[in-house]
N, C-alpha and C. Protein backbone atom coordinates (compact mmCIF):
# COMPACT_ATOMS: atom_id res chain seq x y z
N MET A 1 12.10 -97.66 50.49
CA MET A 1 11.52 -97.32 51.94
C MET A 1 12.28 -96.26 51.84
N ASN A 2 11.60 -94.97 51.70
CA ASN A 2 12.44 -93.70 51.98
C ASN A 2 13.16 -93.42 51.42
N GLU A 3 13.42 -94.10 50.17
CA GLU A 3 15.10 -93.60 49.28
C GLU A 3 16.16 -94.31 50.03
N LYS A 4 15.98 -95.61 50.97
CA LYS A 4 16.87 -96.75 51.46
C LYS A 4 16.78 -98.23 50.97
N THR A 5 17.97 -98.74 50.62
CA THR A 5 17.67 -100.25 49.88
C THR A 5 17.51 -101.05 50.93
N GLY A 6 17.25 -101.58 50.97
CA GLY A 6 17.42 -103.03 51.58
C GLY A 6 15.90 -104.36 51.64
N PHE A 7 15.86 -105.07 52.95
CA PHE A 7 14.79 -106.21 52.35
C PHE A 7 13.88 -105.68 53.20
N PHE A 8 12.59 -105.24 52.74
CA PHE A 8 11.46 -104.81 53.74
C PHE A 8 10.61 -106.00 53.19
N LEU A 9 9.84 -106.39 54.13
CA LEU A 9 8.33 -107.36 53.95
C LEU A 9 7.22 -106.63 54.74
N THR A 10 6.47 -106.28 54.19
CA THR A 10 5.23 -105.80 53.99
C THR A 10 4.04 -106.39 53.87
N LYS A 11 2.99 -106.68 55.29
CA LYS A 11 1.87 -107.50 55.12
C LYS A 11 1.13 -106.34 54.75
N LEU A 12 0.08 -106.48 53.98
CA LEU A 12 -1.07 -105.97 53.48
C LEU A 12 -2.64 -106.53 53.55
N ASN A 13 -3.44 -105.67 54.35
CA ASN A 13 -4.82 -105.95 54.21
C ASN A 13 -5.56 -106.18 53.01
N GLU A 14 -6.13 -107.27 53.19
CA GLU A 14 -6.70 -107.37 51.54
C GLU A 14 -8.15 -106.53 51.09
N SER A 15 -8.93 -106.44 52.18
CA SER A 15 -10.03 -105.38 52.20
C SER A 15 -9.62 -104.15 52.39
N ASN A 16 -8.37 -103.77 52.77
CA ASN A 16 -7.96 -102.03 52.69
C ASN A 16 -6.88 -101.88 52.48
N PRO A 17 -6.09 -102.07 51.29
CA PRO A 17 -4.88 -102.12 50.92
C PRO A 17 -4.20 -101.06 51.81
N HIS A 18 -4.53 -99.72 52.21
CA HIS A 18 -4.03 -98.71 52.78
C HIS A 18 -3.64 -98.84 53.94
N LYS A 19 -3.88 -100.50 54.61
CA LYS A 19 -3.78 -100.65 55.99
C LYS A 19 -2.52 -101.81 55.73
N TYR A 20 -1.33 -101.53 56.00
CA TYR A 20 -0.50 -102.59 56.21
C TYR A 20 0.24 -102.22 57.43
N GLN A 21 1.19 -103.82 57.40
CA GLN A 21 1.77 -103.67 58.75
C GLN A 21 3.42 -104.55 57.93
N PHE A 22 4.51 -103.77 58.72
CA PHE A 22 5.79 -104.26 58.44
C PHE A 22 6.37 -105.57 58.92
N LEU A 23 6.75 -106.58 58.74
CA LEU A 23 7.09 -107.95 59.20
C LEU A 23 8.56 -107.41 59.68
N THR A 24 9.00 -107.36 58.53
CA THR A 24 10.82 -107.02 58.30
C THR A 24 10.89 -105.54 57.85
N LEU A 25 12.05 -105.06 58.68
CA LEU A 25 13.29 -104.30 58.38
C LEU A 25 14.08 -104.09 58.33
N TYR A 26 14.86 -104.36 57.57
CA TYR A 26 16.60 -104.59 57.19
C TYR A 26 16.91 -103.69 56.18
N SER A 27 17.53 -102.57 56.64
CA SER A 27 18.31 -101.97 55.74
C SER A 27 19.91 -101.91 55.81
N GLN A 28 20.15 -101.90 54.46
CA GLN A 28 21.34 -102.20 53.94
C GLN A 28 21.45 -101.41 52.48
N LYS A 29 22.99 -101.01 52.58
CA LYS A 29 23.41 -100.14 51.34
C LYS A 29 23.68 -101.30 50.11
N LEU A 30 23.39 -102.06 50.13
CA LEU A 30 23.80 -102.67 48.79
C LEU A 30 22.46 -103.36 48.07
N THR A 31 22.23 -103.36 46.72
CA THR A 31 21.23 -104.03 45.85
C THR A 31 20.94 -105.21 46.20
N ILE A 32 19.73 -105.42 45.98
CA ILE A 32 19.22 -106.90 46.09
C ILE A 32 18.93 -107.59 44.83
N GLY A 33 19.16 -108.63 44.46
CA GLY A 33 19.33 -109.12 43.08
C GLY A 33 18.54 -110.60 43.26
N ASP A 34 17.85 -111.32 42.23
CA ASP A 34 17.42 -113.01 42.52
C ASP A 34 16.55 -113.51 43.11
N ALA A 35 15.48 -112.27 43.63
CA ALA A 35 14.95 -112.70 44.19
C ALA A 35 14.22 -114.01 44.11
N SER A 36 13.42 -114.66 45.33
CA SER A 36 12.46 -115.62 45.31
C SER A 36 11.64 -116.27 46.52
N MET A 37 10.02 -116.00 46.46
CA MET A 37 9.50 -116.39 47.74
C MET A 37 8.68 -117.29 47.69
N PHE A 38 8.64 -118.51 48.85
CA PHE A 38 7.82 -118.98 48.51
C PHE A 38 6.99 -119.66 50.33
N ILE A 39 5.93 -120.49 50.26
CA ILE A 39 5.07 -120.03 51.41
C ILE A 39 5.13 -121.77 51.88
N SER A 40 5.05 -121.66 52.67
CA SER A 40 5.12 -123.38 53.18
C SER A 40 4.10 -123.48 54.43
N ARG A 41 3.24 -124.22 54.32
CA ARG A 41 1.88 -124.53 54.82
C ARG A 41 1.91 -125.87 55.53
N GLY A 42 1.75 -126.39 56.59
CA GLY A 42 1.76 -128.02 57.14
C GLY A 42 1.49 -127.73 58.73
N GLN A 43 1.48 -129.07 59.19
CA GLN A 43 0.70 -128.81 60.58
C GLN A 43 2.14 -129.88 61.24
N ASP A 44 2.12 -129.29 62.20
CA ASP A 44 3.61 -129.50 63.37
C ASP A 44 3.13 -130.30 64.21
N LEU A 45 3.64 -131.22 64.38
CA LEU A 45 3.11 -132.37 65.96
C LEU A 45 3.26 -131.41 67.58
N VAL A 46 3.93 -130.09 67.33
CA VAL A 46 4.18 -129.43 68.45
C VAL A 46 3.48 -128.04 68.33
N ARG A 47 3.75 -127.54 67.46
CA ARG A 47 2.79 -126.17 67.53
C ARG A 47 1.35 -126.11 66.66
N GLY A 48 1.59 -127.00 65.89
CA GLY A 48 0.19 -127.38 65.47
C GLY A 48 -0.08 -126.70 63.74
N PRO A 49 -0.99 -126.20 63.50
CA PRO A 49 -0.54 -126.04 61.80
C PRO A 49 0.30 -124.56 61.88
N PHE A 50 1.38 -124.42 60.88
CA PHE A 50 1.98 -123.47 60.43
C PHE A 50 1.95 -122.96 59.10
N LYS A 51 2.50 -121.72 58.99
CA LYS A 51 2.79 -120.84 57.76
C LYS A 51 3.93 -119.94 57.52
N GLU A 52 4.66 -120.54 57.04
CA GLU A 52 6.03 -119.63 56.80
C GLU A 52 6.40 -119.20 55.24
N LEU A 53 6.97 -118.11 55.71
CA LEU A 53 7.15 -117.44 54.02
C LEU A 53 9.14 -117.30 54.32
N ILE A 54 9.50 -118.05 53.38
CA ILE A 54 11.07 -118.53 52.98
C ILE A 54 11.54 -116.99 51.85
N VAL A 55 12.06 -116.57 52.19
CA VAL A 55 12.26 -115.38 51.03
C VAL A 55 14.06 -115.65 50.94
N GLY A 56 14.36 -115.74 49.28
CA GLY A 56 15.98 -115.99 49.30
C GLY A 56 16.34 -115.03 48.37
N TYR A 57 17.31 -114.28 48.61
CA TYR A 57 17.87 -113.36 47.56
C TYR A 57 19.55 -112.80 47.30
N LYS A 58 19.91 -112.35 46.58
CA LYS A 58 21.48 -112.33 46.41
C LYS A 58 21.65 -111.09 46.92
N SER A 59 22.91 -110.74 47.34
CA SER A 59 23.26 -109.17 47.43
C SER A 59 24.01 -109.04 46.28
N ILE A 60 24.33 -107.78 45.89
CA ILE A 60 24.52 -107.45 44.71
C ILE A 60 26.13 -106.94 45.20
N TYR A 61 27.15 -107.20 44.26
CA TYR A 61 28.46 -107.02 44.39
C TYR A 61 29.35 -107.62 45.43
N ILE A 62 28.71 -108.01 47.18
CA ILE A 62 29.39 -108.98 47.64
C ILE A 62 29.09 -110.58 47.42
N ASN A 63 28.55 -110.38 46.59
CA ASN A 63 28.24 -112.33 45.77
C ASN A 63 27.30 -112.85 47.37
N THR A 64 26.55 -112.33 48.01
CA THR A 64 26.17 -113.42 49.26
C THR A 64 24.87 -113.83 48.92
N TYR A 65 24.55 -115.00 49.29
CA TYR A 65 23.11 -115.20 49.07
C TYR A 65 22.45 -115.49 50.23
N ASN A 66 21.40 -114.95 50.95
CA ASN A 66 20.69 -115.07 51.84
C ASN A 66 18.93 -115.43 51.88
N VAL A 67 19.08 -116.65 52.56
CA VAL A 67 17.66 -116.84 53.47
C VAL A 67 16.85 -116.62 54.59
N VAL A 68 15.70 -116.25 54.29
CA VAL A 68 15.18 -115.49 55.33
C VAL A 68 13.54 -116.51 55.49
N VAL A 69 13.47 -116.92 56.87
CA VAL A 69 12.31 -117.77 57.54
C VAL A 69 11.44 -116.71 58.04
N ASN A 70 10.03 -116.32 57.84
CA ASN A 70 9.19 -115.66 58.59
C ASN A 70 7.90 -116.31 59.06
N ASP A 71 7.34 -116.40 59.90
CA ASP A 71 6.35 -117.21 60.70
C ASP A 71 5.22 -116.03 60.37
N LEU A 72 3.97 -116.67 59.60
CA LEU A 72 3.07 -116.03 58.88
C LEU A 72 1.75 -116.64 59.70
N SER A 73 1.90 -117.51 60.54
CA SER A 73 0.74 -118.16 61.23
C SER A 73 -0.25 -117.03 61.75
N THR A 74 -1.21 -116.99 61.71
CA THR A 74 -2.42 -116.45 62.18
C THR A 74 -2.34 -116.69 63.99
N SER A 75 -2.12 -117.83 64.36
CA SER A 75 -2.13 -118.14 65.89
C SER A 75 -0.90 -117.34 66.59
N THR A 76 -0.12 -116.94 65.72
CA THR A 76 1.09 -115.71 66.73
C THR A 76 0.54 -114.00 66.70
N SER A 77 0.82 -113.68 67.69
CA SER A 77 0.57 -112.19 67.54
C SER A 77 1.47 -111.21 67.04
N ALA A 78 1.23 -110.18 66.53
CA ALA A 78 2.17 -108.90 65.99
C ALA A 78 3.40 -109.16 67.07
N LEU A 79 3.54 -109.17 68.09
CA LEU A 79 4.59 -108.71 68.86
C LEU A 79 5.29 -110.10 68.91
N THR A 80 4.81 -111.58 68.75
CA THR A 80 5.72 -112.38 69.15
C THR A 80 5.92 -112.95 67.38
N ARG A 81 5.60 -112.29 66.38
CA ARG A 81 5.88 -112.67 64.89
C ARG A 81 7.42 -112.08 64.28
N CYS A 82 7.74 -112.95 64.06
CA CYS A 82 9.40 -112.38 63.58
C CYS A 82 10.01 -113.34 62.71
N THR A 83 11.24 -112.77 62.61
CA THR A 83 12.03 -113.92 61.31
C THR A 83 12.59 -114.71 62.17
N MET A 84 12.25 -116.00 62.06
CA MET A 84 12.64 -117.17 62.47
C MET A 84 13.76 -117.55 62.54
N HIS A 85 14.36 -117.63 60.94
CA HIS A 85 15.68 -117.79 60.82
C HIS A 85 16.17 -117.61 59.65
N ARG A 86 17.72 -116.87 60.06
CA ARG A 86 18.19 -116.10 58.59
C ARG A 86 19.40 -116.49 58.14
N HIS A 87 19.90 -116.94 57.15
CA HIS A 87 20.96 -117.24 57.05
C HIS A 87 22.05 -116.75 55.93
N GLU A 88 23.18 -116.24 55.94
CA GLU A 88 24.25 -115.41 54.62
C GLU A 88 25.20 -116.29 54.68
N CYS A 89 25.27 -116.89 53.18
CA CYS A 89 26.70 -117.45 52.77
C CYS A 89 27.07 -117.14 51.51
N PHE A 90 28.40 -117.43 51.14
CA PHE A 90 29.03 -116.70 50.12
C PHE A 90 28.71 -117.49 48.96
């Protein structure tokens, strides 16, 4: 994004691809590799139905593995939608 390296999660509109929304903007100076993404859907007794995006990636050169969990539920507004969990380890 603008010649910067990092983790940028973008939500695209299916009917209009030019309309998009950034969910995560995490700029860093390291290259990312070995990325994997999963979508978890289910029913929670407290929150009701949920949809979460789990992204895992490795930061090159410092050899850390990162896991990021984002809430993609339609019941949450854009203001409350955020990264639910972020974990980094060697």
